C-alpha atoms as a PDB file:
ATOM      1  CA  MET A   1       0.000   0.000   0.000  1.00  0.00           C
ATOM      2  CA  LYS A   2       1.441   3.344  -1.030  1.00  0.00           C
ATOM      3  CA  ILE A   3       0.711   6.643   0.735  1.00  0.00           C
ATOM      4  CA  HIS A   4       0.380   9.598  -1.644  1.00  0.00           C
ATOM      5  CA  ASP A   5       1.584  13.049  -0.523  1.00  0.00           C
ATOM      6  CA  VAL A   6      -1.236  15.000  -2.176  1.00  0.00           C
ATOM      7  CA  PHE A   7      -0.747  18.277  -0.295  1.00  0.00           C
ATOM      8  CA  GLY A   8       2.998  18.277  -0.887  1.00  0.00           C
ATOM      9  CA  LYS A   9       2.579  18.031  -4.660  1.00  0.00           C
ATOM     10  CA  ILE A  10       0.410  21.092  -5.284  1.00  0.00           C
ATOM     11  CA  GLY A  11       2.275  23.168  -7.830  1.00  0.00           C
ATOM     12  CA  GLU A  12       1.876  26.631  -9.282  1.00  0.00           C
ATOM     13  CA  SER A  13      -1.506  25.631 -10.734  1.00  0.00           C
ATOM     14  CA  GLY A  14      -2.945  25.267  -7.232  1.00  0.00           C
ATOM     15  CA  GLU A  15      -4.157  21.730  -7.947  1.00  0.00           C
ATOM     16  CA  TYR A  16      -2.828  18.208  -7.778  1.00  0.00           C
ATOM     17  CA  VAL A  17      -4.508  15.275  -9.537  1.00  0.00           C
ATOM     18  CA  LEU A  18      -4.064  11.855  -7.977  1.00  0.00           C
ATOM     19  CA  GLY A  19      -4.998   9.540 -10.799  1.00  0.00           C
ATOM     20  CA  SER A  20      -4.101   6.566 -12.916  1.00  0.00           C
ATOM     21  CA  ARG A  21      -0.438   7.548 -13.288  1.00  0.00           C
ATOM     22  CA  GLU A  22       0.028   7.178  -9.527  1.00  0.00           C
ATOM     23  CA  THR A  23      -2.549   4.485  -8.730  1.00  0.00           C
ATOM     24  CA  GLY A  24      -2.571   2.354 -11.857  1.00  0.00           C
ATOM     25  CA  SER A  25      -6.392   2.534 -11.892  1.00  0.00           C
ATOM     26  CA  HIS A  26      -8.675   4.297 -14.366  1.00  0.00           C
ATOM     27  CA  ALA A  27     -11.738   3.787 -12.139  1.00  0.00           C
ATOM     28  CA  CYS A  28     -11.381   6.948 -10.042  1.00  0.00           C
ATOM     29  CA  TYR A  29      -9.282  10.042  -9.374  1.00  0.00           C
ATOM     30  CA  LEU A  30      -8.981  12.769  -6.772  1.00  0.00           C
ATOM     31  CA  ILE A  31      -8.128  16.435  -7.200  1.00  0.00           C
ATOM     32  CA  TYR A  32      -6.904  18.528  -4.271  1.00  0.00           C
ATOM     33  CA  GLY A  33      -7.037  22.251  -4.920  1.00  0.00           C
ATOM     34  CA  VAL A  34      -6.300  25.551  -3.223  1.00  0.00           C
ATOM     35  CA  LEU A  35      -7.616  28.935  -4.366  1.00  0.00           C
ATOM     36  CA  LYS A  36      -5.812  31.971  -3.001  1.00  0.00           C
ATOM     37  CA  PRO A  37      -7.783  35.031  -1.838  1.00  0.00           C
ATOM     38  CA  GLY A  38      -9.232  36.838  -4.860  1.00  0.00           C
ATOM     39  CA  GLU A  39      -8.273  34.054  -7.290  1.00  0.00           C
ATOM     40  CA  LYS A  40     -10.790  33.518 -10.114  1.00  0.00           C
ATOM     41  CA  GLY A  41     -11.454  31.347 -13.101  1.00  0.00           C
ATOM     42  CA  ARG A  42     -10.759  27.785 -11.922  1.00  0.00           C
ATOM     43  CA  GLU A  43     -12.813  25.537 -14.199  1.00  0.00           C
ATOM     44  CA  LEU A  44     -14.580  22.528 -12.724  1.00  0.00           C
ATOM     45  CA  LYS A  45     -15.736  20.163 -15.488  1.00  0.00           C
ATOM     46  CA  PRO A  46     -15.686  16.369 -15.433  1.00  0.00           C
ATOM     47  CA  GLY A  47     -15.649  15.915 -19.211  1.00  0.00           C
ATOM     48  CA  LYS A  48     -17.400  13.377 -21.412  1.00  0.00           C
ATOM     49  CA  GLY A  49     -17.938  10.036 -19.723  1.00  0.00           C
ATOM     50  CA  HIS A  50     -17.038  11.274 -16.218  1.00  0.00           C
ATOM     51  CA  GLU A  51     -18.780  12.505 -13.092  1.00  0.00           C
ATOM     52  CA  GLU A  52     -17.345  14.519 -10.202  1.00  0.00           C
ATOM     53  CA  ILE A  53     -18.273  15.554  -6.697  1.00  0.00           C
ATOM     54  CA  VAL A  54     -16.812  18.917  -5.632  1.00  0.00           C
ATOM     55  CA  LEU A  55     -16.473  19.466  -1.868  1.00  0.00           C
ATOM     56  CA  ALA A  56     -15.447  22.713  -0.167  1.00  0.00           C
ATOM     57  CA  ILE A  57     -13.106  21.639   2.639  1.00  0.00           C
ATOM     58  CA  ALA A  58     -11.953  24.975   4.122  1.00  0.00           C
ATOM     59  CA  GLY A  59     -13.569  28.283   3.208  1.00  0.00           C
ATOM     60  CA  ASP A  60     -16.338  29.017   0.703  1.00  0.00           C
ATOM     61  CA  LEU A  61     -16.211  28.793  -3.106  1.00  0.00           C
ATOM     62  CA  GLN A  62     -18.178  31.197  -5.296  1.00  0.00           C
ATOM     63  CA  LEU A  63     -19.429  29.185  -8.282  1.00  0.00           C
ATOM     64  CA  SER A  64     -20.950  30.268 -11.579  1.00  0.00           C
ATOM     65  CA  GLY A  65     -22.135  28.251 -14.540  1.00  0.00           C
ATOM     66  CA  HIS A  66     -24.102  25.006 -14.226  1.00  0.00           C
ATOM     67  CA  TYR A  67     -24.547  25.866 -10.547  1.00  0.00           C
ATOM     68  CA  THR A  68     -24.381  29.499  -9.482  1.00  0.00           C
ATOM     69  CA  GLY A  69     -24.035  30.423  -5.843  1.00  0.00           C
ATOM     70  CA  MET A  70     -21.832  29.999  -2.807  1.00  0.00           C
ATOM     71  CA  LEU A  71     -20.573  26.501  -2.024  1.00  0.00           C
ATOM     72  CA  LYS A  72     -19.993  26.775   1.707  1.00  0.00           C
ATOM     73  CA  GLN A  73     -17.401  24.863   3.681  1.00  0.00           C
ATOM     74  CA  GLY A  74     -18.603  21.282   4.088  1.00  0.00           C
ATOM     75  CA  GLN A  75     -21.022  21.458   1.128  1.00  0.00           C
ATOM     76  CA  ALA A  76     -20.710  19.537  -2.135  1.00  0.00           C
ATOM     77  CA  ILE A  77     -22.168  19.508  -5.650  1.00  0.00           C
ATOM     78  CA  HIS A  78     -22.320  16.763  -8.286  1.00  0.00           C
ATOM     79  CA  LEU A  79     -21.337  17.461 -11.914  1.00  0.00           C
ATOM     80  CA  GLU A  80     -21.774  15.177 -14.936  1.00  0.00           C
ATOM     81  CA  GLY A  81     -20.082  15.208 -18.341  1.00  0.00           C
ATOM     82  CA  GLU A  82     -19.817  18.666 -19.860  1.00  0.00           C
ATOM     83  CA  GLN A  83     -21.537  20.449 -16.941  1.00  0.00           C
ATOM     84  CA  THR A  84     -19.160  23.271 -16.048  1.00  0.00           C
ATOM     85  CA  CYS A  85     -18.707  25.567 -13.073  1.00  0.00           C
ATOM     86  CA  HIS A  86     -16.161  28.331 -12.653  1.00  0.00           C
ATOM     87  CA  ALA A  87     -14.843  28.742  -9.119  1.00  0.00           C
ATOM     88  CA  GLU A  88     -13.426  31.775  -7.409  1.00  0.00           C
ATOM     89  CA  ASN A  89     -12.368  32.717  -3.914  1.00  0.00           C
ATOM     90  CA  PRO A  90     -14.001  35.977  -2.815  1.00  0.00           C
ATOM     91  CA  GLY A  91     -12.666  35.635   0.744  1.00  0.00           C
ATOM     92  CA  MET A  92      -9.525  36.690   2.565  1.00  0.00           C
ATOM     93  CA  ILE A  93      -8.130  33.202   3.281  1.00  0.00           C
ATOM     94  CA  ASN A  94      -7.142  30.250   1.078  1.00  0.00           C
ATOM     95  CA  VAL A  95     -10.034  27.995   0.068  1.00  0.00           C
ATOM     96  CA  VAL A  96      -9.317  24.271  -0.041  1.00  0.00           C
ATOM     97  CA  TYR A  97     -11.500  21.935  -2.088  1.00  0.00           C
ATOM     98  CA  VAL A  98     -11.477  18.308  -3.161  1.00  0.00           C
ATOM     99  CA  VAL A  99     -12.909  16.838  -6.352  1.00  0.00           C
ATOM    100  CA  SER A 100     -13.526  13.105  -6.559  1.00  0.00           C
ATOM    101  CA  GLY A 101     -14.366  11.637  -9.925  1.00  0.00           C
ATOM    102  CA  GLY A 102     -14.710   8.581 -12.045  1.00  0.00           C
ATOM    103  CA  HIS A 103     -16.378   7.120 -15.093  1.00  0.00           C
ATOM    104  CA  SER A 104     -20.123   7.475 -15.608  1.00  0.00           C
ATOM    105  CA  GLU A 105     -22.031   4.188 -15.516  1.00  0.00           C
ATOM    106  CA  SER A 106     -23.040   4.585 -19.157  1.00  0.00           C
ATOM    107  CA  GLU A 107     -19.442   5.245 -20.200  1.00  0.00           C
ATOM    108  CA  GLN A 108     -17.579   2.487 -18.356  1.00  0.00           C
ATOM    109  CA  GLY A 109     -14.731   1.070 -20.341  1.00  0.00           C
ATOM    110  CA  HIS A 110     -14.640   3.866 -22.912  1.00  0.00           C
ATOM    111  CA  HIS A 111     -10.833   4.157 -22.684  1.00  0.00           C
END
């Protein structure tokens, strides 16, 4: 069993994707992201054949697009396929979020 240092691998983009390259599995992936105060324009979009759950871990995310409104700390939304939200951090502290995703039932084995 390997432990993955997700937090330690966040780069300049503010996100780290733990996926098939690290796990050897195409069934699921995890994205750990941080938005700095005032940062805008982070796109949240599963893509064709995928679904994602977006969870605000610390702080609140302002979302626009498929869902528009404030995603408060501890709240989550579910996105499918091409459904897109743009996230920004209107607050004064870093916002931490996690996205968990995988293949849609109707698209299993499309790779």
